[in-house]
Amino acid sequence: MSKAISVALVGADTPASQAVLDVLGEMPLALTALYPLSDDEDASSVELRNQSLPMIDVATFDWSKVDAALFVGAPELATQYAQLAADAGVAVIDLTGATASKTGKPQRGQVIGLPHVLTSMISAPLAALQSIAKIDFAAATAMVSVSEDGKAAIDALAMQTRQLFAQQEVELAGYPKRLAFNVLPTALRGEEARIAQELAAVGAKVNCLTVSRVPVFFGHAVSLSVQLAEAVSLEKVEAAIADTPTLYHMKAEGSAGIATPQDAIGGDKVWLNQLSVSSDGRSVNLWLVADNARLPARAAVLLLALI
């Protein structure tokens, strides 16, 4: 691991920050200090490695105190403060997707980001399949939980659900239409283009990608269909998946064998389920679920070790 560093956790009062705190508590990253930052006056403290840390107002924080800053769960704070922290010589890692940052090794005075979590979910099985046969066509349908959009979106879904049950007028709260008990395609947000570009950059091109928001608080799901240039067997596909460290192939009988986003919460891998191979061996269908907070949190902590 790297030398001991001091880190600011911006958006420390958001649900996404808990995944970062959990990973920091589990991994042997040496910290001289962790500063939890928030813009919420009511936020109190967080806990790391059995130590309670008081919340600090991000607006008054002295960025010279830290070597690195992680921005999580609050896109508006990343937009406002990420470049400010970088200008102070901090190595900034943005997990919110709010900044126009590139991926790479963290450097002082720079803002870097992570690939979209859907990129990580889709690229792993595609790489596994590419190891056994050329891919002719790939199509993915992604169902994204509202936690992708931060704490405000989680609050909005909870509010809309309460309003519907109370037979009140539903506030859209930033979404173009109601999200509670609904599904919203998000092509106009530019996510699909971003993910397609990221996949192409790592050699995992998809020909068709659809992303939608679903009324789920945490956990993403992807239905992936792949056409191969040559026939493969189910056993060969399963072997390729087993050789991919980031994938967990969940196999069980009956209802226990159905993987849902909730099942993957707290896991460090992409869960793969409902695997099928067509009778001619050239079509592969699979279902993917993952903890959309835990995967980037772990990747970000690994990046901190490189500073």
C-alpha atoms as a PDB file:
ATOM      1  CA  MET A   1       0.000   0.000   0.000  1.00  0.00           C
ATOM      2  CA  SER A   2       0.955   3.658  -0.323  1.00  0.00           C
ATOM      3  CA  LYS A   3       2.258   5.934   2.386  1.00  0.00           C
ATOM      4  CA  ALA A   4      -0.237   7.324   4.883  1.00  0.00           C
ATOM      5  CA  ILE A   5      -2.423  10.064   3.407  1.00  0.00           C
ATOM      6  CA  SER A   6      -5.109  12.473   4.584  1.00  0.00           C
ATOM      7  CA  VAL A   7      -8.452  12.365   2.755  1.00  0.00           C
ATOM      8  CA  ALA A   8     -11.545  14.554   2.527  1.00  0.00           C
ATOM      9  CA  LEU A   9     -14.817  12.705   1.954  1.00  0.00           C
ATOM     10  CA  VAL A  10     -17.186  15.191   0.338  1.00  0.00           C
ATOM     11  CA  GLY A  11     -20.851  14.292   0.540  1.00  0.00           C
ATOM     12  CA  ALA A  12     -20.170  12.313   3.693  1.00  0.00           C
ATOM     13  CA  ASP A  13     -23.809  12.581   4.776  1.00  0.00           C
ATOM     14  CA  THR A  14     -25.106  10.812   1.657  1.00  0.00           C
ATOM     15  CA  PRO A  15     -25.981   7.109   1.427  1.00  0.00           C
ATOM     16  CA  ALA A  16     -23.204   6.568  -1.137  1.00  0.00           C
ATOM     17  CA  SER A  17     -20.601   7.695   1.383  1.00  0.00           C
ATOM     18  CA  GLN A  18     -21.352   4.733   3.624  1.00  0.00           C
ATOM     19  CA  ALA A  19     -20.016   2.373   0.968  1.00  0.00           C
ATOM     20  CA  VAL A  20     -16.748   4.333   0.914  1.00  0.00           C
ATOM     21  CA  LEU A  21     -16.522   4.260   4.708  1.00  0.00           C
ATOM     22  CA  ASP A  22     -17.173   0.512   4.716  1.00  0.00           C
ATOM     23  CA  VAL A  23     -14.429  -0.126   2.154  1.00  0.00           C
ATOM     24  CA  LEU A  24     -11.988   2.164   3.965  1.00  0.00           C
ATOM     25  CA  GLY A  25     -12.691   0.236   7.137  1.00  0.00           C
ATOM     26  CA  GLU A  26     -11.983  -3.088   5.476  1.00  0.00           C
ATOM     27  CA  MET A  27      -8.911  -2.281   3.383  1.00  0.00           C
ATOM     28  CA  PRO A  28      -5.435  -1.625   4.839  1.00  0.00           C
ATOM     29  CA  LEU A  29      -5.117   1.904   3.464  1.00  0.00           C
ATOM     30  CA  ALA A  30      -3.048   4.028   5.843  1.00  0.00           C
ATOM     31  CA  LEU A  31      -4.817   7.270   6.760  1.00  0.00           C
ATOM     32  CA  THR A  32      -3.400  10.128   8.798  1.00  0.00           C
ATOM     33  CA  ALA A  33      -6.855  11.735   8.846  1.00  0.00           C
ATOM     34  CA  LEU A  34     -10.295  11.549   7.270  1.00  0.00           C
ATOM     35  CA  TYR A  35     -12.373  14.723   7.058  1.00  0.00           C
ATOM     36  CA  PRO A  36     -16.095  14.129   6.394  1.00  0.00           C
ATOM     37  CA  LEU A  37     -17.517  17.167   4.571  1.00  0.00           C
ATOM     38  CA  SER A  38     -21.113  18.195   3.964  1.00  0.00           C
ATOM     39  CA  ASP A  39     -23.221  21.267   3.248  1.00  0.00           C
ATOM     40  CA  ASP A  40     -26.034  20.044   5.519  1.00  0.00           C
ATOM     41  CA  GLU A  41     -26.177  21.891   8.824  1.00  0.00           C
ATOM     42  CA  ASP A  42     -28.024  18.983  10.410  1.00  0.00           C
ATOM     43  CA  ALA A  43     -25.381  16.378   9.513  1.00  0.00           C
ATOM     44  CA  SER A  44     -23.601  15.212  12.654  1.00  0.00           C
ATOM     45  CA  SER A  45     -20.870  12.593  12.301  1.00  0.00           C
ATOM     46  CA  VAL A  46     -19.704   9.417  10.564  1.00  0.00           C
ATOM     47  CA  GLU A  47     -17.906   6.373  11.884  1.00  0.00           C
ATOM     48  CA  LEU A  48     -14.689   4.902  10.520  1.00  0.00           C
ATOM     49  CA  ARG A  49     -12.769   2.045  12.122  1.00  0.00           C
ATOM     50  CA  ASN A  50     -14.732   2.415  15.373  1.00  0.00           C
ATOM     51  CA  GLN A  51     -13.984   6.126  15.563  1.00  0.00           C
ATOM     52  CA  SER A  52     -16.642   8.839  15.377  1.00  0.00           C
ATOM     53  CA  LEU A  53     -15.678  11.753  13.123  1.00  0.00           C
ATOM     54  CA  PRO A  54     -17.613  15.048  13.282  1.00  0.00           C
ATOM     55  CA  MET A  55     -19.033  16.481  10.066  1.00  0.00           C
ATOM     56  CA  ILE A  56     -17.344  19.609   8.704  1.00  0.00           C
ATOM     57  CA  ASP A  57     -18.884  22.374   6.623  1.00  0.00           C
ATOM     58  CA  VAL A  58     -17.477  21.985   3.108  1.00  0.00           C
ATOM     59  CA  ALA A  59     -17.787  25.724   2.463  1.00  0.00           C
ATOM     60  CA  THR A  60     -15.241  26.574   5.161  1.00  0.00           C
ATOM     61  CA  PHE A  61     -12.858  23.639   4.740  1.00  0.00           C
ATOM     62  CA  ASP A  62      -9.146  24.296   4.222  1.00  0.00           C
ATOM     63  CA  TRP A  63      -8.198  22.044   1.296  1.00  0.00           C
ATOM     64  CA  SER A  64      -4.501  22.330   2.116  1.00  0.00           C
ATOM     65  CA  LYS A  65      -5.108  19.876   4.976  1.00  0.00           C
ATOM     66  CA  VAL A  66      -5.585  16.881   2.677  1.00  0.00           C
ATOM     67  CA  ASP A  67      -3.702  14.920   0.060  1.00  0.00           C
ATOM     68  CA  ALA A  68      -6.826  13.623  -1.664  1.00  0.00           C
ATOM     69  CA  ALA A  69     -10.556  14.249  -1.871  1.00  0.00           C
ATOM     70  CA  LEU A  70     -13.333  11.825  -2.757  1.00  0.00           C
ATOM     71  CA  PHE A  71     -16.597  13.357  -3.979  1.00  0.00           C
ATOM     72  CA  VAL A  72     -19.532  10.985  -3.513  1.00  0.00           C
ATOM     73  CA  GLY A  73     -23.321  11.087  -3.592  1.00  0.00           C
ATOM     74  CA  ALA A  74     -23.712  14.855  -4.053  1.00  0.00           C
ATOM     75  CA  PRO A  75     -23.163  15.959  -7.671  1.00  0.00           C
ATOM     76  CA  GLU A  76     -23.827  19.597  -6.805  1.00  0.00           C
ATOM     77  CA  LEU A  77     -20.896  19.619  -4.361  1.00  0.00           C
ATOM     78  CA  ALA A  78     -18.579  18.113  -6.962  1.00  0.00           C
ATOM     79  CA  THR A  79     -19.617  20.789  -9.451  1.00  0.00           C
ATOM     80  CA  GLN A  80     -18.927  23.520  -6.907  1.00  0.00           C
ATOM     81  CA  TYR A  81     -15.832  22.299  -5.087  1.00  0.00           C
ATOM     82  CA  ALA A  82     -13.925  19.639  -7.062  1.00  0.00           C
ATOM     83  CA  GLN A  83     -11.897  22.059  -9.162  1.00  0.00           C
ATOM     84  CA  LEU A  84     -11.388  24.311  -6.133  1.00  0.00           C
ATOM     85  CA  ALA A  85      -9.813  21.390  -4.287  1.00  0.00           C
ATOM     86  CA  ALA A  86      -7.663  20.514  -7.284  1.00  0.00           C
ATOM     87  CA  ASP A  87      -6.470  24.123  -7.552  1.00  0.00           C
ATOM     88  CA  ALA A  88      -5.279  23.775  -3.936  1.00  0.00           C
ATOM     89  CA  GLY A  89      -3.046  20.866  -4.973  1.00  0.00           C
ATOM     90  CA  VAL A  90      -5.364  18.047  -3.924  1.00  0.00           C
ATOM     91  CA  ALA A  91      -5.716  14.804  -5.888  1.00  0.00           C
ATOM     92  CA  VAL A  92      -9.461  14.712  -6.574  1.00  0.00           C
ATOM     93  CA  ILE A  93     -11.486  11.605  -7.406  1.00  0.00           C
ATOM     94  CA  ASP A  94     -15.055  12.332  -8.469  1.00  0.00           C
ATOM     95  CA  LEU A  95     -17.498   9.447  -8.039  1.00  0.00           C
ATOM     96  CA  THR A  96     -20.572  11.554  -8.808  1.00  0.00           C
ATOM     97  CA  GLY A  97     -20.047  11.922 -12.561  1.00  0.00           C
ATOM     98  CA  ALA A  98     -20.782  15.643 -12.264  1.00  0.00           C
ATOM     99  CA  THR A  99     -17.398  16.844 -13.522  1.00  0.00           C
ATOM    100  CA  ALA A 100     -15.976  16.473 -17.013  1.00  0.00           C
ATOM    101  CA  SER A 101     -13.078  14.434 -15.658  1.00  0.00           C
ATOM    102  CA  LYS A 102     -11.065  11.708 -17.342  1.00  0.00           C
ATOM    103  CA  THR A 103     -10.113   8.373 -15.885  1.00  0.00           C
ATOM    104  CA  GLY A 104      -6.557   7.556 -14.884  1.00  0.00           C
ATOM    105  CA  LYS A 105      -4.125   7.604 -11.994  1.00  0.00           C
ATOM    106  CA  PRO A 106      -4.857  10.288  -9.399  1.00  0.00           C
ATOM    107  CA  GLN A 107      -2.501  13.240  -9.486  1.00  0.00           C
ATOM    108  CA  ARG A 108      -2.236  16.250  -7.237  1.00  0.00           C
ATOM    109  CA  GLY A 109      -3.903  19.261  -8.779  1.00  0.00           C
ATOM    110  CA  GLN A 110      -6.122  17.170 -11.055  1.00  0.00           C
ATOM    111  CA  VAL A 111      -9.686  15.891 -11.048  1.00  0.00           C
ATOM    112  CA  ILE A 112     -10.185  12.335 -12.269  1.00  0.00           C
ATOM    113  CA  GLY A 113     -13.305  10.242 -12.445  1.00  0.00           C
ATOM    114  CA  LEU A 114     -14.233   6.596 -12.709  1.00  0.00           C
ATOM    115  CA  PRO A 115     -15.942   4.842 -15.590  1.00  0.00           C
ATOM    116  CA  HIS A 116     -19.695   4.686 -15.194  1.00  0.00           C
ATOM    117  CA  VAL A 117     -20.637   1.735 -13.004  1.00  0.00           C
ATOM    118  CA  LEU A 118     -22.621   0.306 -15.933  1.00  0.00           C
ATOM    119  CA  THR A 119     -19.405   0.274 -17.952  1.00  0.00           C
ATOM    120  CA  SER A 120     -17.830  -1.967 -15.331  1.00  0.00           C
ATOM    121  CA  MET A 121     -20.921  -4.192 -15.186  1.00  0.00           C
ATOM    122  CA  ILE A 122     -21.134  -4.707 -18.947  1.00  0.00           C
ATOM    123  CA  SER A 123     -17.440  -4.855 -19.852  1.00  0.00           C
ATOM    124  CA  ALA A 124     -16.631  -7.789 -17.549  1.00  0.00           C
ATOM    125  CA  PRO A 125     -18.966 -10.373 -19.159  1.00  0.00           C
ATOM    126  CA  LEU A 126     -18.187  -9.079 -22.645  1.00  0.00           C
ATOM    127  CA  ALA A 127     -14.475  -9.591 -21.988  1.00  0.00           C
ATOM    128  CA  ALA A 128     -15.199 -13.111 -20.754  1.00  0.00           C
ATOM    129  CA  LEU A 129     -17.130 -13.938 -23.914  1.00  0.00           C
ATOM    130  CA  GLN A 130     -14.502 -12.324 -26.143  1.00  0.00           C
ATOM    131  CA  SER A 131     -11.937 -14.694 -24.671  1.00  0.00           C
ATOM    132  CA  ILE A 132     -13.727 -17.655 -26.258  1.00  0.00           C
ATOM    133  CA  ALA A 133     -15.304 -16.232 -29.443  1.00  0.00           C
ATOM    134  CA  LYS A 134     -15.547 -13.091 -31.549  1.00  0.00           C
ATOM    135  CA  ILE A 135     -18.589 -10.958 -30.703  1.00  0.00           C
ATOM    136  CA  ASP A 136     -20.697  -9.990 -33.726  1.00  0.00           C
ATOM    137  CA  PHE A 137     -23.380  -8.005 -31.884  1.00  0.00           C
ATOM    138  CA  ALA A 138     -24.145  -6.987 -28.310  1.00  0.00           C
ATOM    139  CA  ALA A 139     -27.226  -5.301 -26.878  1.00  0.00           C
ATOM    140  CA  ALA A 140     -27.708  -4.150 -23.289  1.00  0.00           C
ATOM    141  CA  THR A 141     -30.749  -2.862 -21.430  1.00  0.00           C
ATOM    142  CA  ALA A 142     -29.792  -1.206 -18.159  1.00  0.00           C
ATOM    143  CA  MET A 143     -32.151  -0.531 -15.258  1.00  0.00           C
ATOM    144  CA  VAL A 144     -30.596   2.084 -13.017  1.00  0.00           C
ATOM    145  CA  SER A 145     -31.568   2.866  -9.415  1.00  0.00           C
ATOM    146  CA  VAL A 146     -32.122   6.450  -8.316  1.00  0.00           C
ATOM    147  CA  SER A 147     -29.080   6.423  -6.024  1.00  0.00           C
ATOM    148  CA  GLU A 148     -27.098   6.963  -9.225  1.00  0.00           C
ATOM    149  CA  ASP A 149     -28.403  10.541  -9.062  1.00  0.00           C
ATOM    150  CA  GLY A 150     -27.496  11.175  -5.437  1.00  0.00           C
ATOM    151  CA  LYS A 151     -29.299  11.732  -2.147  1.00  0.00           C
ATOM    152  CA  ALA A 152     -31.762  14.234  -3.622  1.00  0.00           C
ATOM    153  CA  ALA A 153     -33.048  11.587  -6.041  1.00  0.00           C
ATOM    154  CA  ILE A 154     -33.449   9.039  -3.241  1.00  0.00           C
ATOM    155  CA  ASP A 155     -35.432  11.594  -1.262  1.00  0.00           C
ATOM    156  CA  ALA A 156     -37.515  12.393  -4.359  1.00  0.00           C
ATOM    157  CA  LEU A 157     -38.521   8.753  -4.909  1.00  0.00           C
ATOM    158  CA  ALA A 158     -39.430   8.347  -1.239  1.00  0.00           C
ATOM    159  CA  MET A 159     -41.479  11.569  -1.342  1.00  0.00           C
ATOM    160  CA  GLN A 160     -43.311  10.578  -4.541  1.00  0.00           C
ATOM    161  CA  THR A 161     -44.183   7.178  -3.083  1.00  0.00           C
ATOM    162  CA  ARG A 162     -45.634   8.765   0.051  1.00  0.00           C
ATOM    163  CA  GLN A 163     -47.587  11.311  -2.016  1.00  0.00           C
ATOM    164  CA  LEU A 164     -49.110   8.588  -4.192  1.00  0.00           C
ATOM    165  CA  PHE A 165     -50.258   6.544  -1.203  1.00  0.00           C
ATOM    166  CA  ALA A 166     -51.686   9.705   0.356  1.00  0.00           C
ATOM    167  CA  GLN A 167     -53.443  10.532  -2.938  1.00  0.00           C
ATOM    168  CA  GLN A 168     -51.651  13.856  -3.104  1.00  0.00           C
ATOM    169  CA  GLU A 169     -50.292  15.705  -6.111  1.00  0.00           C
ATOM    170  CA  VAL A 170     -46.890  14.232  -6.971  1.00  0.00           C
ATOM    171  CA  GLU A 171     -43.883  16.549  -7.184  1.00  0.00           C
ATOM    172  CA  LEU A 172     -41.536  15.647 -10.046  1.00  0.00           C
ATOM    173  CA  ALA A 173     -38.492  16.867  -8.069  1.00  0.00           C
ATOM    174  CA  GLY A 174     -36.169  17.280 -11.039  1.00  0.00           C
ATOM    175  CA  TYR A 175     -37.357  14.312 -13.095  1.00  0.00           C
ATOM    176  CA  PRO A 176     -39.292  14.942 -16.345  1.00  0.00           C
ATOM    177  CA  LYS A 177     -42.088  12.622 -15.216  1.00  0.00           C
ATOM    178  CA  ARG A 178     -43.055  10.738 -12.091  1.00  0.00           C
ATOM    179  CA  LEU A 179     -40.539   8.040 -11.142  1.00  0.00           C
ATOM    180  CA  ALA A 180     -42.439   6.240  -8.378  1.00  0.00           C
ATOM    181  CA  PHE A 181     -44.129   3.119  -9.844  1.00  0.00           C
ATOM    182  CA  ASN A 182     -42.847   4.140 -13.264  1.00  0.00           C
ATOM    183  CA  VAL A 183     -39.871   3.684 -15.605  1.00  0.00           C
ATOM    184  CA  LEU A 184     -38.064   6.624 -17.209  1.00  0.00           C
ATOM    185  CA  PRO A 185     -35.784   6.278 -20.255  1.00  0.00           C
ATOM    186  CA  THR A 186     -32.785   8.554 -19.840  1.00  0.00           C
ATOM    187  CA  ALA A 187     -31.338   8.854 -23.352  1.00  0.00           C
ATOM    188  CA  LEU A 188     -31.510  12.658 -23.243  1.00  0.00           C
ATOM    189  CA  ARG A 189     -29.109  12.731 -20.270  1.00  0.00           C
ATOM    190  CA  GLY A 190     -26.168  11.572 -22.390  1.00  0.00           C
ATOM    191  CA  GLU A 191     -25.482   8.511 -20.227  1.00  0.00           C
ATOM    192  CA  GLU A 192     -25.855   6.063 -23.080  1.00  0.00           C
ATOM    193  CA  ALA A 193     -23.305   7.875 -25.237  1.00  0.00           C
ATOM    194  CA  ARG A 194     -20.861   8.101 -22.339  1.00  0.00           C
ATOM    195  CA  ILE A 195     -21.136   4.406 -21.473  1.00  0.00           C
ATOM    196  CA  ALA A 196     -20.888   3.333 -25.120  1.00  0.00           C
ATOM    197  CA  GLN A 197     -17.712   5.414 -25.519  1.00  0.00           C
ATOM    198  CA  GLU A 198     -16.192   3.974 -22.347  1.00  0.00           C
ATOM    199  CA  LEU A 199     -16.991   0.429 -23.440  1.00  0.00           C
ATOM    200  CA  ALA A 200     -15.502   1.011 -26.879  1.00  0.00           C
ATOM    201  CA  ALA A 201     -12.337   2.412 -25.266  1.00  0.00           C
ATOM    202  CA  VAL A 202     -11.754  -0.885 -23.448  1.00  0.00           C
ATOM    203  CA  GLY A 203     -12.613  -3.018 -26.469  1.00  0.00           C
ATOM    204  CA  ALA A 204     -16.082  -4.027 -25.249  1.00  0.00           C
ATOM    205  CA  LYS A 205     -18.295  -2.364 -27.840  1.00  0.00           C
ATOM    206  CA  VAL A 206     -22.085  -2.578 -27.591  1.00  0.00           C
ATOM    207  CA  ASN A 207     -24.225  -2.067 -30.685  1.00  0.00           C
ATOM    208  CA  CYS A 208     -27.390  -1.166 -28.804  1.00  0.00           C
ATOM    209  CA  LEU A 209     -27.665   0.302 -25.315  1.00  0.00           C
ATOM    210  CA  THR A 210     -30.752   1.517 -23.473  1.00  0.00           C
ATOM    211  CA  VAL A 211     -30.613   3.077 -19.998  1.00  0.00           C
ATOM    212  CA  SER A 212     -33.665   3.728 -17.852  1.00  0.00           C
ATOM    213  CA  ARG A 213     -34.320   4.883 -14.303  1.00  0.00           C
ATOM    214  CA  VAL A 214     -36.439   2.457 -12.306  1.00  0.00           C
ATOM    215  CA  PRO A 215     -38.136   3.022  -8.919  1.00  0.00           C
ATOM    216  CA  VAL A 216     -35.410   1.257  -6.944  1.00  0.00           C
ATOM    217  CA  PHE A 217     -33.297   3.007  -4.301  1.00  0.00           C
ATOM    218  CA  PHE A 218     -30.049   1.016  -4.604  1.00  0.00           C
ATOM    219  CA  GLY A 219     -28.583  -1.521  -7.017  1.00  0.00           C
ATOM    220  CA  HIS A 220     -28.407  -1.599 -10.820  1.00  0.00           C
ATOM    221  CA  ALA A 221     -29.455  -4.356 -13.223  1.00  0.00           C
ATOM    222  CA  VAL A 222     -28.520  -5.109 -16.834  1.00  0.00           C
ATOM    223  CA  SER A 223     -29.985  -7.541 -19.350  1.00  0.00           C
ATOM    224  CA  LEU A 224     -27.245  -8.418 -21.857  1.00  0.00           C
ATOM    225  CA  SER A 225     -27.672 -10.285 -25.149  1.00  0.00           C
ATOM    226  CA  VAL A 226     -24.670 -11.256 -27.279  1.00  0.00           C
ATOM    227  CA  GLN A 227     -24.358 -12.775 -30.749  1.00  0.00           C
ATOM    228  CA  LEU A 228     -21.129 -14.691 -31.369  1.00  0.00           C
ATOM    229  CA  ALA A 229     -19.307 -15.422 -34.618  1.00  0.00           C
ATOM    230  CA  GLU A 230     -18.956 -19.098 -33.748  1.00  0.00           C
ATOM    231  CA  ALA A 231     -20.775 -21.633 -31.656  1.00  0.00           C
ATOM    232  CA  VAL A 232     -19.867 -22.117 -27.993  1.00  0.00           C
ATOM    233  CA  SER A 233     -21.156 -24.457 -25.318  1.00  0.00           C
ATOM    234  CA  LEU A 234     -22.720 -23.469 -21.999  1.00  0.00           C
ATOM    235  CA  GLU A 235     -19.819 -25.175 -20.231  1.00  0.00           C
ATOM    236  CA  LYS A 236     -17.299 -23.080 -22.155  1.00  0.00           C
ATOM    237  CA  VAL A 237     -19.144 -19.867 -21.295  1.00  0.00           C
ATOM    238  CA  GLU A 238     -19.333 -20.838 -17.626  1.00  0.00           C
ATOM    239  CA  ALA A 239     -15.593 -21.555 -17.586  1.00  0.00           C
ATOM    240  CA  ALA A 240     -14.826 -18.136 -19.075  1.00  0.00           C
ATOM    241  CA  ILE A 241     -17.034 -16.468 -16.458  1.00  0.00           C
ATOM    242  CA  ALA A 242     -15.325 -18.423 -13.670  1.00  0.00           C
ATOM    243  CA  ASP A 243     -11.979 -17.096 -14.904  1.00  0.00           C
ATOM    244  CA  THR A 244     -13.184 -13.469 -14.600  1.00  0.00           C
ATOM    245  CA  PRO A 245     -12.428 -12.257 -11.041  1.00  0.00           C
ATOM    246  CA  THR A 246     -14.941  -9.399 -11.088  1.00  0.00           C
ATOM    247  CA  LEU A 247     -17.897 -11.704 -11.863  1.00  0.00           C
ATOM    248  CA  TYR A 248     -19.840 -13.906  -9.460  1.00  0.00           C
ATOM    249  CA  HIS A 249     -21.940 -16.523 -11.239  1.00  0.00           C
ATOM    250  CA  MET A 250     -24.904 -17.160  -8.975  1.00  0.00           C
ATOM    251  CA  LYS A 251     -26.328 -20.647  -9.519  1.00  0.00           C
ATOM    252  CA  ALA A 252     -29.074 -22.050  -7.302  1.00  0.00           C
ATOM    253  CA  GLU A 253     -32.352 -23.892  -7.746  1.00  0.00           C
ATOM    254  CA  GLY A 254     -35.800 -22.318  -7.592  1.00  0.00           C
ATOM    255  CA  SER A 255     -36.532 -18.817  -6.351  1.00  0.00           C
ATOM    256  CA  ALA A 256     -33.191 -18.721  -4.522  1.00  0.00           C
ATOM    257  CA  GLY A 257     -31.516 -18.725  -7.925  1.00  0.00           C
ATOM    258  CA  ILE A 258     -33.030 -15.409  -9.004  1.00  0.00           C
ATOM    259  CA  ALA A 259     -30.511 -12.588  -8.530  1.00  0.00           C
ATOM    260  CA  THR A 260     -31.942  -9.141  -7.838  1.00  0.00           C
ATOM    261  CA  PRO A 261     -30.193  -5.804  -7.252  1.00  0.00           C
ATOM    262  CA  GLN A 262     -31.002  -6.134  -3.550  1.00  0.00           C
ATOM    263  CA  ASP A 263     -29.097  -9.432  -3.383  1.00  0.00           C
ATOM    264  CA  ALA A 264     -25.913  -7.767  -4.634  1.00  0.00           C
ATOM    265  CA  ILE A 265     -25.930  -4.931  -2.087  1.00  0.00           C
ATOM    266  CA  GLY A 266     -22.707  -5.036  -0.085  1.00  0.00           C
ATOM    267  CA  GLY A 267     -20.900  -7.177  -2.662  1.00  0.00           C
ATOM    268  CA  ASP A 268     -17.686  -6.283  -4.469  1.00  0.00           C
ATOM    269  CA  LYS A 269     -18.509  -8.195  -7.649  1.00  0.00           C
ATOM    270  CA  VAL A 270     -20.988  -8.103 -10.493  1.00  0.00           C
ATOM    271  CA  TRP A 271     -23.495 -10.912  -9.984  1.00  0.00           C
ATOM    272  CA  LEU A 272     -24.283 -12.895 -13.131  1.00  0.00           C
ATOM    273  CA  ASN A 273     -27.478 -14.915 -13.353  1.00  0.00           C
ATOM    274  CA  GLN A 274     -30.054 -16.374 -15.762  1.00  0.00           C
ATOM    275  CA  LEU A 275     -27.310 -17.482 -18.157  1.00  0.00           C
ATOM    276  CA  SER A 276     -28.509 -19.217 -21.313  1.00  0.00           C
ATOM    277  CA  VAL A 277     -26.946 -20.280 -24.605  1.00  0.00           C
ATOM    278  CA  SER A 278     -29.060 -20.805 -27.717  1.00  0.00           C
ATOM    279  CA  SER A 279     -29.391 -24.211 -29.366  1.00  0.00           C
ATOM    280  CA  ASP A 280     -27.005 -23.164 -32.152  1.00  0.00           C
ATOM    281  CA  GLY A 281     -24.445 -21.955 -29.583  1.00  0.00           C
ATOM    282  CA  ARG A 282     -24.147 -18.474 -31.053  1.00  0.00           C
ATOM    283  CA  SER A 283     -26.470 -16.463 -28.803  1.00  0.00           C
ATOM    284  CA  VAL A 284     -25.771 -15.832 -25.133  1.00  0.00           C
ATOM    285  CA  ASN A 285     -28.192 -14.096 -22.763  1.00  0.00           C
ATOM    286  CA  LEU A 286     -27.429 -13.137 -19.194  1.00  0.00           C
ATOM    287  CA  TRP A 287     -28.643 -11.006 -16.308  1.00  0.00           C
ATOM    288  CA  LEU A 288     -26.340  -8.787 -14.253  1.00  0.00           C
ATOM    289  CA  VAL A 289     -26.864  -7.031 -10.920  1.00  0.00           C
ATOM    290  CA  ALA A 290     -24.469  -5.035  -8.778  1.00  0.00           C
ATOM    291  CA  ASP A 291     -24.157  -2.641  -5.854  1.00  0.00           C
ATOM    292  CA  ASN A 292     -23.748   0.672  -7.680  1.00  0.00           C
ATOM    293  CA  ALA A 293     -22.226   2.347  -4.608  1.00  0.00           C
ATOM    294  CA  ARG A 294     -19.886  -0.429  -3.483  1.00  0.00           C
ATOM    295  CA  LEU A 295     -18.191  -1.047  -6.872  1.00  0.00           C
ATOM    296  CA  PRO A 296     -16.982   2.548  -7.405  1.00  0.00           C
ATOM    297  CA  ALA A 297     -16.167   2.923  -3.703  1.00  0.00           C
ATOM    298  CA  ARG A 298     -13.756   0.014  -3.854  1.00  0.00           C
ATOM    299  CA  ALA A 299     -12.231   1.273  -7.100  1.00  0.00           C
ATOM    300  CA  ALA A 300     -11.747   4.745  -5.578  1.00  0.00           C
ATOM    301  CA  VAL A 301     -10.022   3.393  -2.453  1.00  0.00           C
ATOM    302  CA  LEU A 302      -7.678   1.368  -4.655  1.00  0.00           C
ATOM    303  CA  LEU A 303      -6.864   4.599  -6.503  1.00  0.00           C
ATOM    304  CA  LEU A 304      -6.085   6.322  -3.211  1.00  0.00           C
ATOM    305  CA  ALA A 305      -3.396   3.719  -2.634  1.00  0.00           C
ATOM    306  CA  LEU A 306      -1.634   5.009  -5.761  1.00  0.00           C
ATOM    307  CA  ILE A 307      -1.188   8.566  -4.469  1.00  0.00           C
END
